[in-house]
Amino acid sequence: MPLTVQDRERGTIRTDYIKGAEFLRLETVFSSRYKYDIHLSRESETRTGLNVRCFYEIKEKKGRSFGSANDLYPEEVDGLEKELYRIIESTLSRAEASRPARPKAQEKEKAPPVARQVAPVPSSSPKTFLLTKKNAHLREGPSPESKIILTFKPGRKVEKVEGSGNWVRVKIWETTIGWVLKDFLEEAPP
């Protein structure tokens, strides 16, 4: 898989485009391509966090340029993300399992002193789901100037993470979090 960015310090890997399948829809042939953003984070000495995001694009076979199709084909995007996630996760699991464990004495030396006991975190509240009322941009931050991650079509179900003024932070695909204007959302029926 060709890479375009490898930032070891930030744990970021970005692939170049990968040619996808060609398919027929409404008597028009489309070409597809996709690329990934992969983020790795150290959670502990033996555990690595992993986040995979796929950018799926299509164009008419004789068209000039590709356009985002993440909203048009969410199942395809989800499948591509899960497939790469499984591949990377299995590789990481083998690598983490092969690391030698530190001796107990060494762990005690490096462990920071405990200043005070922290109260247990209460169990999380039930998830709240929202539906988009019209086309809505998912943005990196709670501002109309923030970069657009993707655009939802009306009726897209998202999970509410938090609110801030006129903005709501939402999650989709278990990997993508961003901000949407509150006016574009409504409570999803149970």
C-alpha atoms as a PDB file:
ATOM      1  CA  MET A   1       0.000   0.000   0.000  1.00  0.00           C
ATOM      2  CA  PRO A   2       1.705   3.266  -1.081  1.00  0.00           C
ATOM      3  CA  LEU A   3       2.147   5.808   1.732  1.00  0.00           C
ATOM      4  CA  THR A   4       2.187   9.597   1.431  1.00  0.00           C
ATOM      5  CA  VAL A   5       2.708  10.581   5.101  1.00  0.00           C
ATOM      6  CA  GLN A   6       4.545   8.797   7.889  1.00  0.00           C
ATOM      7  CA  ASP A   7       4.753  10.965  11.002  1.00  0.00           C
ATOM      8  CA  ARG A   8       6.154   8.670  13.670  1.00  0.00           C
ATOM      9  CA  GLU A   9       6.076  11.345  16.379  1.00  0.00           C
ATOM     10  CA  ARG A  10       2.326  11.899  15.948  1.00  0.00           C
ATOM     11  CA  GLY A  11       1.522   8.281  15.091  1.00  0.00           C
ATOM     12  CA  THR A  12       0.012   9.241  11.734  1.00  0.00           C
ATOM     13  CA  ILE A  13       0.130   7.270   8.519  1.00  0.00           C
ATOM     14  CA  ARG A  14      -1.674   8.345   5.340  1.00  0.00           C
ATOM     15  CA  THR A  15      -1.899   6.155   2.274  1.00  0.00           C
ATOM     16  CA  ASP A  16      -1.984   7.233  -1.334  1.00  0.00           C
ATOM     17  CA  TYR A  17      -5.070   6.383  -3.390  1.00  0.00           C
ATOM     18  CA  ILE A  18      -5.828   2.733  -4.043  1.00  0.00           C
ATOM     19  CA  LYS A  19      -7.826   1.786  -7.137  1.00  0.00           C
ATOM     20  CA  GLY A  20     -11.214   0.374  -6.217  1.00  0.00           C
ATOM     21  CA  ALA A  21     -13.825  -1.520  -8.179  1.00  0.00           C
ATOM     22  CA  GLU A  22     -15.733  -0.301 -11.203  1.00  0.00           C
ATOM     23  CA  PHE A  23     -19.503  -0.647 -10.983  1.00  0.00           C
ATOM     24  CA  LEU A  24     -22.650   0.083 -12.970  1.00  0.00           C
ATOM     25  CA  ARG A  25     -25.384   2.309 -11.556  1.00  0.00           C
ATOM     26  CA  LEU A  26     -28.299   3.785 -13.504  1.00  0.00           C
ATOM     27  CA  GLU A  27     -26.637   2.654 -16.745  1.00  0.00           C
ATOM     28  CA  THR A  28     -23.486   4.659 -15.975  1.00  0.00           C
ATOM     29  CA  VAL A  29     -20.131   3.068 -15.216  1.00  0.00           C
ATOM     30  CA  PHE A  30     -18.308   4.481 -12.206  1.00  0.00           C
ATOM     31  CA  SER A  31     -14.716   4.056 -11.048  1.00  0.00           C
ATOM     32  CA  SER A  32     -13.816   4.121  -7.376  1.00  0.00           C
ATOM     33  CA  ARG A  33     -10.717   4.812  -5.335  1.00  0.00           C
ATOM     34  CA  TYR A  34      -9.978   5.201  -1.664  1.00  0.00           C
ATOM     35  CA  LYS A  35      -7.238   6.146   0.750  1.00  0.00           C
ATOM     36  CA  TYR A  36      -6.750   5.817   4.497  1.00  0.00           C
ATOM     37  CA  ASP A  37      -5.718   7.929   7.462  1.00  0.00           C
ATOM     38  CA  ILE A  38      -4.328   5.706  10.202  1.00  0.00           C
ATOM     39  CA  HIS A  39      -3.631   7.014  13.716  1.00  0.00           C
ATOM     40  CA  LEU A  40      -1.694   4.999  16.292  1.00  0.00           C
ATOM     41  CA  SER A  41      -1.341   6.016  19.937  1.00  0.00           C
ATOM     42  CA  ARG A  42       0.515   4.367  22.805  1.00  0.00           C
ATOM     43  CA  GLU A  43      -1.989   3.468  25.524  1.00  0.00           C
ATOM     44  CA  SER A  44       0.481   1.520  27.642  1.00  0.00           C
ATOM     45  CA  GLU A  45       3.743  -0.341  27.247  1.00  0.00           C
ATOM     46  CA  THR A  46       1.896  -3.338  25.832  1.00  0.00           C
ATOM     47  CA  ARG A  47      -1.137  -1.709  24.212  1.00  0.00           C
ATOM     48  CA  THR A  48      -1.512   0.544  21.154  1.00  0.00           C
ATOM     49  CA  GLY A  49      -4.639   2.522  20.214  1.00  0.00           C
ATOM     50  CA  LEU A  50      -5.692   2.342  16.557  1.00  0.00           C
ATOM     51  CA  ASN A  51      -8.010   4.554  14.493  1.00  0.00           C
ATOM     52  CA  VAL A  52      -8.607   3.900  10.769  1.00  0.00           C
ATOM     53  CA  ARG A  53     -10.496   6.323   8.507  1.00  0.00           C
ATOM     54  CA  CYS A  54     -11.278   5.634   4.853  1.00  0.00           C
ATOM     55  CA  PHE A  55     -11.919   8.322   2.232  1.00  0.00           C
ATOM     56  CA  TYR A  56     -13.970   6.731  -0.570  1.00  0.00           C
ATOM     57  CA  GLU A  57     -14.369   8.509  -3.918  1.00  0.00           C
ATOM     58  CA  ILE A  58     -16.135   7.779  -7.209  1.00  0.00           C
ATOM     59  CA  LYS A  59     -16.332   9.305 -10.689  1.00  0.00           C
ATOM     60  CA  GLU A  60     -18.065   8.496 -13.933  1.00  0.00           C
ATOM     61  CA  LYS A  61     -15.820   6.300 -16.051  1.00  0.00           C
ATOM     62  CA  LYS A  62     -15.375   9.096 -18.598  1.00  0.00           C
ATOM     63  CA  GLY A  63     -15.599  11.888 -15.991  1.00  0.00           C
ATOM     64  CA  ARG A  64     -12.834  14.299 -15.161  1.00  0.00           C
ATOM     65  CA  SER A  65     -12.521  14.136 -11.384  1.00  0.00           C
ATOM     66  CA  PHE A  66     -13.379  12.020  -8.387  1.00  0.00           C
ATOM     67  CA  GLY A  67     -15.816  13.185  -5.703  1.00  0.00           C
ATOM     68  CA  SER A  68     -16.420  12.054  -2.137  1.00  0.00           C
ATOM     69  CA  ALA A  69     -18.778   9.098  -1.821  1.00  0.00           C
ATOM     70  CA  ASN A  70     -18.482   8.354   1.913  1.00  0.00           C
ATOM     71  CA  ASP A  71     -22.134   9.369   2.418  1.00  0.00           C
ATOM     72  CA  LEU A  72     -23.356   7.542  -0.689  1.00  0.00           C
ATOM     73  CA  TYR A  73     -21.759   4.210   0.209  1.00  0.00           C
ATOM     74  CA  PRO A  74     -21.329   4.092   4.005  1.00  0.00           C
ATOM     75  CA  GLU A  75     -21.428   0.279   4.053  1.00  0.00           C
ATOM     76  CA  GLU A  76     -18.526   0.117   1.578  1.00  0.00           C
ATOM     77  CA  VAL A  77     -16.534   2.630   3.645  1.00  0.00           C
ATOM     78  CA  ASP A  78     -17.305   0.769   6.871  1.00  0.00           C
ATOM     79  CA  GLY A  79     -16.224  -2.522   5.290  1.00  0.00           C
ATOM     80  CA  LEU A  80     -12.937  -1.063   4.005  1.00  0.00           C
ATOM     81  CA  GLU A  81     -12.182   0.483   7.417  1.00  0.00           C
ATOM     82  CA  LYS A  82     -12.979  -2.738   9.291  1.00  0.00           C
ATOM     83  CA  GLU A  83     -10.879  -4.838   6.902  1.00  0.00           C
ATOM     84  CA  LEU A  84      -7.768  -2.657   7.296  1.00  0.00           C
ATOM     85  CA  TYR A  85      -8.400  -2.343  11.042  1.00  0.00           C
ATOM     86  CA  ARG A  86      -8.443  -6.155  11.388  1.00  0.00           C
ATOM     87  CA  ILE A  87      -5.200  -6.478   9.389  1.00  0.00           C
ATOM     88  CA  ILE A  88      -3.362  -3.843  11.450  1.00  0.00           C
ATOM     89  CA  GLU A  89      -4.837  -5.049  14.741  1.00  0.00           C
ATOM     90  CA  SER A  90      -3.687  -8.625  14.158  1.00  0.00           C
ATOM     91  CA  THR A  91      -0.168  -7.381  13.330  1.00  0.00           C
ATOM     92  CA  LEU A  92      -0.098  -5.127  16.417  1.00  0.00           C
ATOM     93  CA  SER A  93      -1.405  -7.935  18.642  1.00  0.00           C
ATOM     94  CA  ARG A  94       1.402 -10.246  17.524  1.00  0.00           C
ATOM     95  CA  ALA A  95       4.011  -7.499  18.023  1.00  0.00           C
ATOM     96  CA  GLU A  96       2.671  -6.549  21.466  1.00  0.00           C
ATOM     97  CA  ALA A  97       2.506 -10.189  22.557  1.00  0.00           C
ATOM     98  CA  SER A  98       6.139 -10.737  21.548  1.00  0.00           C
ATOM     99  CA  ARG A  99       7.449  -7.836  23.686  1.00  0.00           C
ATOM    100  CA  PRO A 100       9.201  -9.087  26.807  1.00  0.00           C
ATOM    101  CA  ALA A 101       7.482  -8.082  30.027  1.00  0.00           C
ATOM    102  CA  ARG A 102       9.448  -5.769  32.331  1.00  0.00           C
ATOM    103  CA  PRO A 103      10.523  -7.236  35.644  1.00  0.00           C
ATOM    104  CA  LYS A 104       8.255  -6.282  38.573  1.00  0.00           C
ATOM    105  CA  ALA A 105      11.051  -4.400  40.379  1.00  0.00           C
ATOM    106  CA  GLN A 106      11.663  -2.248  37.300  1.00  0.00           C
ATOM    107  CA  GLU A 107       7.927  -1.482  37.028  1.00  0.00           C
ATOM    108  CA  LYS A 108       7.826  -0.227  40.630  1.00  0.00           C
ATOM    109  CA  GLU A 109      10.802   2.054  40.011  1.00  0.00           C
ATOM    110  CA  LYS A 110       9.192   3.667  36.981  1.00  0.00           C
ATOM    111  CA  ALA A 111       5.632   3.839  38.295  1.00  0.00           C
ATOM    112  CA  PRO A 112       4.648   7.364  39.382  1.00  0.00           C
ATOM    113  CA  PRO A 113       3.684   7.750  43.037  1.00  0.00           C
ATOM    114  CA  VAL A 114      -0.028   7.681  43.784  1.00  0.00           C
ATOM    115  CA  ALA A 115      -1.032  11.074  45.187  1.00  0.00           C
ATOM    116  CA  ARG A 116      -4.649  10.259  46.058  1.00  0.00           C
ATOM    117  CA  GLN A 117      -7.378   7.795  45.312  1.00  0.00           C
ATOM    118  CA  VAL A 118      -9.666   8.790  42.457  1.00  0.00           C
ATOM    119  CA  ALA A 119     -13.367   8.046  42.758  1.00  0.00           C
ATOM    120  CA  PRO A 120     -14.596   5.460  40.238  1.00  0.00           C
ATOM    121  CA  VAL A 121     -16.126   6.866  37.096  1.00  0.00           C
ATOM    122  CA  PRO A 122     -19.897   6.335  37.091  1.00  0.00           C
ATOM    123  CA  SER A 123     -21.227   4.092  34.354  1.00  0.00           C
ATOM    124  CA  SER A 124     -21.849   5.974  31.146  1.00  0.00           C
ATOM    125  CA  SER A 125     -25.314   7.266  30.452  1.00  0.00           C
ATOM    126  CA  PRO A 126     -27.410   5.694  27.698  1.00  0.00           C
ATOM    127  CA  LYS A 127     -26.383   6.653  24.179  1.00  0.00           C
ATOM    128  CA  THR A 128     -28.369   9.426  22.527  1.00  0.00           C
ATOM    129  CA  PHE A 129     -28.917   9.158  18.790  1.00  0.00           C
ATOM    130  CA  LEU A 130     -29.832  12.027  16.489  1.00  0.00           C
ATOM    131  CA  LEU A 131     -31.007  12.276  12.884  1.00  0.00           C
ATOM    132  CA  THR A 132     -29.939  14.914  10.383  1.00  0.00           C
ATOM    133  CA  LYS A 133     -32.868  17.029   9.138  1.00  0.00           C
ATOM    134  CA  LYS A 134     -31.099  18.221   5.981  1.00  0.00           C
ATOM    135  CA  ASN A 135     -27.640  18.118   4.411  1.00  0.00           C
ATOM    136  CA  ALA A 136     -25.257  18.808   7.285  1.00  0.00           C
ATOM    137  CA  HIS A 137     -21.484  19.244   7.372  1.00  0.00           C
ATOM    138  CA  LEU A 138     -19.468  17.287   9.930  1.00  0.00           C
ATOM    139  CA  ARG A 139     -16.631  19.627  10.926  1.00  0.00           C
ATOM    140  CA  GLU A 140     -13.372  19.184  12.837  1.00  0.00           C
ATOM    141  CA  GLY A 141     -14.339  21.913  15.357  1.00  0.00           C
ATOM    142  CA  PRO A 142     -17.438  23.805  16.547  1.00  0.00           C
ATOM    143  CA  SER A 143     -17.092  26.629  14.030  1.00  0.00           C
ATOM    144  CA  PRO A 144     -18.326  27.321  10.488  1.00  0.00           C
ATOM    145  CA  GLU A 145     -14.681  27.997   9.569  1.00  0.00           C
ATOM    146  CA  SER A 146     -13.537  24.523  10.696  1.00  0.00           C
ATOM    147  CA  LYS A 147     -12.542  21.999   8.047  1.00  0.00           C
ATOM    148  CA  ILE A 148     -15.396  19.851   6.699  1.00  0.00           C
ATOM    149  CA  ILE A 149     -14.784  16.148   7.311  1.00  0.00           C
ATOM    150  CA  LEU A 150     -17.832  14.972   5.353  1.00  0.00           C
ATOM    151  CA  THR A 151     -21.443  15.930   4.561  1.00  0.00           C
ATOM    152  CA  PHE A 152     -24.441  13.983   5.847  1.00  0.00           C
ATOM    153  CA  LYS A 153     -27.596  13.473   3.820  1.00  0.00           C
ATOM    154  CA  PRO A 154     -30.964  13.958   5.564  1.00  0.00           C
ATOM    155  CA  GLY A 155     -31.927  11.078   7.849  1.00  0.00           C
ATOM    156  CA  ARG A 156     -28.377  10.023   8.785  1.00  0.00           C
ATOM    157  CA  LYS A 157     -28.281   8.563  12.322  1.00  0.00           C
ATOM    158  CA  VAL A 158     -25.409   9.782  14.522  1.00  0.00           C
ATOM    159  CA  GLU A 159     -24.494   9.328  18.188  1.00  0.00           C
ATOM    160  CA  LYS A 160     -24.388  12.458  20.361  1.00  0.00           C
ATOM    161  CA  VAL A 161     -21.137  12.828  22.320  1.00  0.00           C
ATOM    162  CA  GLU A 162     -21.585  16.323  23.800  1.00  0.00           C
ATOM    163  CA  GLY A 163     -22.995  19.777  23.086  1.00  0.00           C
ATOM    164  CA  SER A 164     -21.412  23.230  23.061  1.00  0.00           C
ATOM    165  CA  GLY A 165     -23.641  26.238  22.343  1.00  0.00           C
ATOM    166  CA  ASN A 166     -25.123  25.879  18.844  1.00  0.00           C
ATOM    167  CA  TRP A 167     -22.935  22.866  18.064  1.00  0.00           C
ATOM    168  CA  VAL A 168     -23.195  19.152  18.835  1.00  0.00           C
ATOM    169  CA  ARG A 169     -20.251  16.775  18.823  1.00  0.00           C
ATOM    170  CA  VAL A 170     -21.289  13.487  17.205  1.00  0.00           C
ATOM    171  CA  LYS A 171     -19.758  10.104  16.435  1.00  0.00           C
ATOM    172  CA  ILE A 172     -20.257   7.798  13.453  1.00  0.00           C
ATOM    173  CA  TRP A 173     -18.630   4.476  12.496  1.00  0.00           C
ATOM    174  CA  GLU A 174     -17.081   4.201  15.983  1.00  0.00           C
ATOM    175  CA  THR A 175     -14.038   6.023  14.575  1.00  0.00           C
ATOM    176  CA  THR A 176     -15.138   9.418  13.292  1.00  0.00           C
ATOM    177  CA  ILE A 177     -16.041  12.286  15.617  1.00  0.00           C
ATOM    178  CA  GLY A 178     -16.873  15.826  14.574  1.00  0.00           C
ATOM    179  CA  TRP A 179     -19.179  18.793  15.103  1.00  0.00           C
ATOM    180  CA  VAL A 180     -22.567  19.562  13.517  1.00  0.00           C
ATOM    181  CA  LEU A 181     -24.782  22.627  13.943  1.00  0.00           C
ATOM    182  CA  LYS A 182     -27.587  21.832  16.408  1.00  0.00           C
ATOM    183  CA  ASP A 183     -30.233  23.209  13.981  1.00  0.00           C
ATOM    184  CA  PHE A 184     -29.484  20.374  11.532  1.00  0.00           C
ATOM    185  CA  LEU A 185     -30.256  17.635  14.080  1.00  0.00           C
ATOM    186  CA  GLU A 186     -33.331  16.175  15.753  1.00  0.00           C
ATOM    187  CA  GLU A 187     -33.860  13.410  18.315  1.00  0.00           C
ATOM    188  CA  ALA A 188     -33.971   9.972  16.746  1.00  0.00           C
ATOM    189  CA  PRO A 189     -37.045   7.894  17.613  1.00  0.00           C
ATOM    190  CA  PRO A 190     -36.296   5.041  20.057  1.00  0.00           C
END
